PDB file of all heavy atoms in Angstrom:
ATOM      1  N   GLN A   1      22.429  -6.536  -8.747  1.00  0.00           N
ATOM      2  CA  GLN A   1      21.637  -7.744  -9.027  1.00  0.00           C
ATOM      3  C   GLN A   1      20.877  -8.206  -7.794  1.00  0.00           C
ATOM      4  O   GLN A   1      19.741  -8.678  -7.904  1.00  0.00           O
ATOM      5  CB  GLN A   1      22.569  -8.845  -9.527  1.00  0.00           C
ATOM      6  CG  GLN A   1      21.803 -10.113  -9.902  1.00  0.00           C
ATOM      7  CD  GLN A   1      22.733 -11.172 -10.473  1.00  0.00           C
ATOM      8  OE1 GLN A   1      23.943 -10.936 -10.607  1.00  0.00           O
ATOM      9  NE2 GLN A   1      22.188 -12.314 -10.830  1.00  0.00           N
ATOM     10  N   ASP A   2      21.483  -8.109  -6.632  1.00  0.00           N
ATOM     11  CA  ASP A   2      20.816  -8.607  -5.425  1.00  0.00           C
ATOM     12  C   ASP A   2      19.721  -7.651  -4.945  1.00  0.00           C
ATOM     13  O   ASP A   2      18.723  -8.104  -4.370  1.00  0.00           O
ATOM     14  CB  ASP A   2      21.833  -8.810  -4.300  1.00  0.00           C
ATOM     15  CG  ASP A   2      22.823  -9.918  -4.621  1.00  0.00           C
ATOM     16  OD1 ASP A   2      22.393 -10.932  -5.182  1.00  0.00           O
ATOM     17  OD2 ASP A   2      24.008  -9.744  -4.343  1.00  0.00           O
ATOM     18  N   GLY A   3      19.922  -6.359  -5.102  1.00  0.00           N
ATOM     19  CA  GLY A   3      18.902  -5.395  -4.725  1.00  0.00           C
ATOM     20  C   GLY A   3      18.533  -5.428  -3.260  1.00  0.00           C
ATOM     21  O   GLY A   3      17.367  -5.328  -2.911  1.00  0.00           O
ATOM     22  N   ASN A   4      19.517  -5.595  -2.381  1.00  0.00           N
ATOM     23  CA  ASN A   4      19.215  -5.634  -0.944  1.00  0.00           C
ATOM     24  C   ASN A   4      18.805  -4.273  -0.421  1.00  0.00           C
ATOM     25  O   ASN A   4      19.153  -3.244  -0.982  1.00  0.00           O
ATOM     26  CB  ASN A   4      20.446  -6.118  -0.156  1.00  0.00           C
ATOM     27  CG  ASN A   4      20.790  -7.538  -0.454  1.00  0.00           C
ATOM     28  OD1 ASN A   4      20.797  -7.970  -1.600  1.00  0.00           O
ATOM     29  ND2 ASN A   4      21.049  -8.303   0.582  1.00  0.00           N
ATOM     30  N   ALA A   5      18.041  -4.263   0.682  1.00  0.00           N
ATOM     31  CA  ALA A   5      17.588  -3.026   1.293  1.00  0.00           C
ATOM     32  C   ALA A   5      18.002  -3.008   2.747  1.00  0.00           C
ATOM     33  O   ALA A   5      17.970  -4.047   3.423  1.00  0.00           O
ATOM     34  CB  ALA A   5      16.075  -2.894   1.173  1.00  0.00           C
ATOM     35  N   GLU A   6      18.344  -1.847   3.249  1.00  0.00           N
ATOM     36  CA  GLU A   6      18.643  -1.688   4.684  1.00  0.00           C
ATOM     37  C   GLU A   6      17.595  -0.777   5.289  1.00  0.00           C
ATOM     38  O   GLU A   6      17.398   0.358   4.838  1.00  0.00           O
ATOM     39  CB  GLU A   6      20.033  -1.069   4.872  1.00  0.00           C
ATOM     40  CG  GLU A   6      20.348  -0.858   6.338  1.00  0.00           C
ATOM     41  CD  GLU A   6      21.739  -0.311   6.558  1.00  0.00           C
ATOM     42  OE1 GLU A   6      22.403   0.012   5.564  1.00  0.00           O
ATOM     43  OE2 GLU A   6      22.152  -0.192   7.708  1.00  0.00           O
ATOM     44  N   LEU A   7      16.901  -1.266   6.320  1.00  0.00           N
ATOM     45  CA  LEU A   7      15.907  -0.488   7.039  1.00  0.00           C
ATOM     46  C   LEU A   7      16.384  -0.300   8.472  1.00  0.00           C
ATOM     47  O   LEU A   7      16.974  -1.209   9.041  1.00  0.00           O
ATOM     48  CB  LEU A   7      14.551  -1.201   7.021  1.00  0.00           C
ATOM     49  CG  LEU A   7      14.056  -1.607   5.629  1.00  0.00           C
ATOM     50  CD1 LEU A   7      12.759  -2.384   5.762  1.00  0.00           C
ATOM     51  CD2 LEU A   7      13.871  -0.395   4.744  1.00  0.00           C
ATOM     52  N   SER A   8      16.110   0.849   9.062  1.00  0.00           N
ATOM     53  CA  SER A   8      16.755   1.104  10.341  1.00  0.00           C
ATOM     54  C   SER A   8      15.824   1.555  11.449  1.00  0.00           C
ATOM     55  O   SER A   8      16.248   1.762  12.567  1.00  0.00           O
ATOM     56  CB  SER A   8      17.854   2.174  10.188  1.00  0.00           C
ATOM     57  OG  SER A   8      17.311   3.369   9.660  1.00  0.00           O
ATOM     58  N   ARG A   9      14.530   1.682  11.182  1.00  0.00           N
ATOM     59  CA  ARG A   9      13.612   2.064  12.235  1.00  0.00           C
ATOM     60  C   ARG A   9      12.526   1.016  12.373  1.00  0.00           C
ATOM     61  O   ARG A   9      11.966   0.548  11.391  1.00  0.00           O
ATOM     62  CB  ARG A   9      12.971   3.430  11.986  1.00  0.00           C
ATOM     63  CG  ARG A   9      13.865   4.598  12.316  1.00  0.00           C
ATOM     64  CD  ARG A   9      13.101   5.906  12.144  1.00  0.00           C
ATOM     65  NE  ARG A   9      11.911   5.978  12.975  1.00  0.00           N
ATOM     66  CZ  ARG A   9      11.907   6.467  14.207  1.00  0.00           C
ATOM     67  NH1 ARG A   9      13.017   6.882  14.754  1.00  0.00           N
ATOM     68  NH2 ARG A   9      10.792   6.525  14.905  1.00  0.00           N
ATOM     69  N   GLU A  10      12.192   0.673  13.585  1.00  0.00           N
ATOM     70  CA  GLU A  10      11.180  -0.351  13.831  1.00  0.00           C
ATOM     71  C   GLU A  10       9.877  -0.006  13.153  1.00  0.00           C
ATOM     72  O   GLU A  10       9.168  -0.895  12.651  1.00  0.00           O
ATOM     73  CB  GLU A  10      10.987  -0.512  15.340  1.00  0.00           C
ATOM     74  CG  GLU A  10       9.974  -1.562  15.743  1.00  0.00           C
ATOM     75  CD  GLU A  10       8.571  -1.009  15.798  1.00  0.00           C
ATOM     76  OE1 GLU A  10       8.400   0.185  16.022  1.00  0.00           O
ATOM     77  OE2 GLU A  10       7.650  -1.822  15.590  1.00  0.00           O
ATOM     78  N   SER A  11       9.529   1.303  13.077  1.00  0.00           N
ATOM     79  CA  SER A  11       8.254   1.687  12.488  1.00  0.00           C
ATOM     80  C   SER A  11       8.219   1.342  11.006  1.00  0.00           C
ATOM     81  O   SER A  11       7.153   1.064  10.455  1.00  0.00           O
ATOM     82  CB  SER A  11       8.035   3.187  12.670  1.00  0.00           C
ATOM     83  OG  SER A  11       9.075   3.950  12.100  1.00  0.00           O
ATOM     84  N   LEU A  12       9.355   1.357  10.337  1.00  0.00           N
ATOM     85  CA  LEU A  12       9.394   0.961   8.942  1.00  0.00           C
ATOM     86  C   LEU A  12       9.180  -0.528   8.780  1.00  0.00           C
ATOM     87  O   LEU A  12       8.420  -0.990   7.941  1.00  0.00           O
ATOM     88  CB  LEU A  12      10.732   1.357   8.305  1.00  0.00           C
ATOM     89  CG  LEU A  12      11.104   2.826   8.278  1.00  0.00           C
ATOM     90  CD1 LEU A  12      12.425   2.999   7.520  1.00  0.00           C
ATOM     91  CD2 LEU A  12      10.017   3.645   7.622  1.00  0.00           C
ATOM     92  N   HIS A  13       9.887  -1.311   9.607  1.00  0.00           N
ATOM     93  CA  HIS A  13       9.763  -2.762   9.528  1.00  0.00           C
ATOM     94  C   HIS A  13       8.322  -3.191   9.778  1.00  0.00           C
ATOM     95  O   HIS A  13       7.735  -3.936   9.013  1.00  0.00           O
ATOM     96  CB  HIS A  13      10.663  -3.440  10.553  1.00  0.00           C
ATOM     97  CG  HIS A  13      12.082  -2.996  10.453  1.00  0.00           C
ATOM     98  ND1 HIS A  13      12.774  -2.927   9.282  1.00  0.00           N
ATOM     99  CD2 HIS A  13      12.973  -2.632  11.415  1.00  0.00           C
ATOM    100  CE1 HIS A  13      14.009  -2.526   9.502  1.00  0.00           C
ATOM    101  NE2 HIS A  13      14.153  -2.316  10.787  1.00  0.00           N
ATOM    102  N   ALA A  14       7.765  -2.707  10.876  1.00  0.00           N
ATOM    103  CA  ALA A  14       6.416  -3.130  11.248  1.00  0.00           C
ATOM    104  C   ALA A  14       5.364  -2.607  10.294  1.00  0.00           C
ATOM    105  O   ALA A  14       4.282  -3.157  10.171  1.00  0.00           O
ATOM    106  CB  ALA A  14       6.109  -2.640  12.671  1.00  0.00           C
ATOM    107  N   GLY A  15       5.685  -1.548   9.534  1.00  0.00           N
ATOM    108  CA  GLY A  15       4.717  -0.951   8.629  1.00  0.00           C
ATOM    109  C   GLY A  15       4.557  -1.675   7.317  1.00  0.00           C
ATOM    110  O   GLY A  15       3.822  -1.234   6.440  1.00  0.00           O
ATOM    111  N   GLY A  16       5.255  -2.785   7.118  1.00  0.00           N
ATOM    112  CA  GLY A  16       5.060  -3.577   5.925  1.00  0.00           C
ATOM    113  C   GLY A  16       6.118  -3.412   4.870  1.00  0.00           C
ATOM    114  O   GLY A  16       6.033  -4.060   3.800  1.00  0.00           O
ATOM    115  N   GLU A  17       7.129  -2.569   5.104  1.00  0.00           N
ATOM    116  CA  GLU A  17       8.149  -2.376   4.077  1.00  0.00           C
ATOM    117  C   GLU A  17       8.977  -3.646   3.850  1.00  0.00           C
ATOM    118  O   GLU A  17       9.320  -3.960   2.712  1.00  0.00           O
ATOM    119  CB  GLU A  17       9.062  -1.216   4.451  1.00  0.00           C
ATOM    120  CG  GLU A  17       8.362   0.128   4.585  1.00  0.00           C
ATOM    121  CD  GLU A  17       7.811   0.630   3.273  1.00  0.00           C
ATOM    122  OE1 GLU A  17       8.061  -0.014   2.236  1.00  0.00           O
ATOM    123  OE2 GLU A  17       7.121   1.652   3.269  1.00  0.00           O
ATOM    124  N   VAL A  18       9.275  -4.360   4.904  1.00  0.00           N
ATOM    125  CA  VAL A  18      10.014  -5.604   4.745  1.00  0.00           C
ATOM    126  C   VAL A  18       9.210  -6.576   3.890  1.00  0.00           C
ATOM    127  O   VAL A  18       9.728  -7.250   3.009  1.00  0.00           O
ATOM    128  CB  VAL A  18      10.352  -6.236   6.116  1.00  0.00           C
ATOM    129  CG1 VAL A  18      10.865  -7.674   5.937  1.00  0.00           C
ATOM    130  CG2 VAL A  18      11.409  -5.414   6.826  1.00  0.00           C
ATOM    131  N   ASP A  19       7.902  -6.654   4.172  1.00  0.00           N
ATOM    132  CA  ASP A  19       7.017  -7.541   3.392  1.00  0.00           C
ATOM    133  C   ASP A  19       7.018  -7.132   1.929  1.00  0.00           C
ATOM    134  O   ASP A  19       7.061  -7.964   1.027  1.00  0.00           O
ATOM    135  CB  ASP A  19       5.604  -7.482   3.978  1.00  0.00           C
ATOM    136  CG  ASP A  19       4.673  -8.475   3.316  1.00  0.00           C
ATOM    137  OD1 ASP A  19       5.015  -9.660   3.294  1.00  0.00           O
ATOM    138  OD2 ASP A  19       3.628  -8.057   2.828  1.00  0.00           O
ATOM    139  N   ARG A  20       6.949  -5.822   1.662  1.00  0.00           N
ATOM    140  CA  ARG A  20       6.924  -5.342   0.279  1.00  0.00           C
ATOM    141  C   ARG A  20       8.199  -5.727  -0.472  1.00  0.00           C
ATOM    142  O   ARG A  20       8.165  -6.211  -1.604  1.00  0.00           O
ATOM    143  CB  ARG A  20       6.781  -3.810   0.272  1.00  0.00           C
ATOM    144  CG  ARG A  20       6.763  -3.201  -1.137  1.00  0.00           C
ATOM    145  CD  ARG A  20       6.726  -1.677  -1.061  1.00  0.00           C
ATOM    146  NE  ARG A  20       7.960  -1.126  -0.540  1.00  0.00           N
ATOM    147  CZ  ARG A  20       9.038  -0.925  -1.294  1.00  0.00           C
ATOM    148  NH1 ARG A  20       9.066  -1.275  -2.558  1.00  0.00           N
ATOM    149  NH2 ARG A  20      10.136  -0.403  -0.763  1.00  0.00           N
ATOM    150  N   ILE A  21       9.334  -5.545   0.191  1.00  0.00           N
ATOM    151  CA  ILE A  21      10.608  -5.855  -0.453  1.00  0.00           C
ATOM    152  C   ILE A  21      10.776  -7.347  -0.618  1.00  0.00           C
ATOM    153  O   ILE A  21      11.178  -7.838  -1.691  1.00  0.00           O
ATOM    154  CB  ILE A  21      11.781  -5.248   0.348  1.00  0.00           C
ATOM    155  CG1 ILE A  21      11.683  -3.727   0.313  1.00  0.00           C
ATOM    156  CG2 ILE A  21      13.118  -5.716  -0.196  1.00  0.00           C
ATOM    157  CD1 ILE A  21      12.632  -3.043   1.251  1.00  0.00           C
ATOM    158  N   ALA A  22      10.475  -8.109   0.442  1.00  0.00           N
ATOM    159  CA  ALA A  22      10.638  -9.554   0.373  1.00  0.00           C
ATOM    160  C   ALA A  22       9.779 -10.157  -0.740  1.00  0.00           C
ATOM    161  O   ALA A  22      10.198 -11.051  -1.466  1.00  0.00           O
ATOM    162  CB  ALA A  22      10.298 -10.175   1.713  1.00  0.00           C
ATOM    163  N   HIS A  23       8.523  -9.680  -0.865  1.00  0.00           N
ATOM    164  CA  HIS A  23       7.654 -10.208  -1.892  1.00  0.00           C
ATOM    165  C   HIS A  23       8.084  -9.748  -3.284  1.00  0.00           C
ATOM    166  O   HIS A  23       7.624 -10.289  -4.283  1.00  0.00           O
ATOM    167  CB  HIS A  23       6.203  -9.823  -1.629  1.00  0.00           C
ATOM    168  CG  HIS A  23       5.538 -10.702  -0.601  1.00  0.00           C
ATOM    169  ND1 HIS A  23       5.716 -10.527   0.753  1.00  0.00           N
ATOM    170  CD2 HIS A  23       4.729 -11.772  -0.757  1.00  0.00           C
ATOM    171  CE1 HIS A  23       5.016 -11.425   1.410  1.00  0.00           C
ATOM    172  NE2 HIS A  23       4.434 -12.218   0.515  1.00  0.00           N
ATOM    173  N   GLY A  24       8.930  -8.737  -3.346  1.00  0.00           N
ATOM    174  CA  GLY A  24       9.485  -8.310  -4.619  1.00  0.00           C
ATOM    175  C   GLY A  24      10.656  -9.158  -5.047  1.00  0.00           C
ATOM    176  O   GLY A  24      11.301  -8.888  -6.073  1.00  0.00           O
ATOM    177  N   GLY A  25      10.993 -10.190  -4.265  1.00  0.00           N
ATOM    178  CA  GLY A  25      12.066 -11.094  -4.640  1.00  0.00           C
ATOM    179  C   GLY A  25      13.452 -10.612  -4.250  1.00  0.00           C
ATOM    180  O   GLY A  25      14.463 -11.193  -4.688  1.00  0.00           O
TER     181      GLY A  25
END
């Protein structure tokens, strides 16, 4: 239900993946 994500490389975070997931609720 929570659908949390774990990212582990700075290149992923800075590349917009956090934004994509966060905006997905």
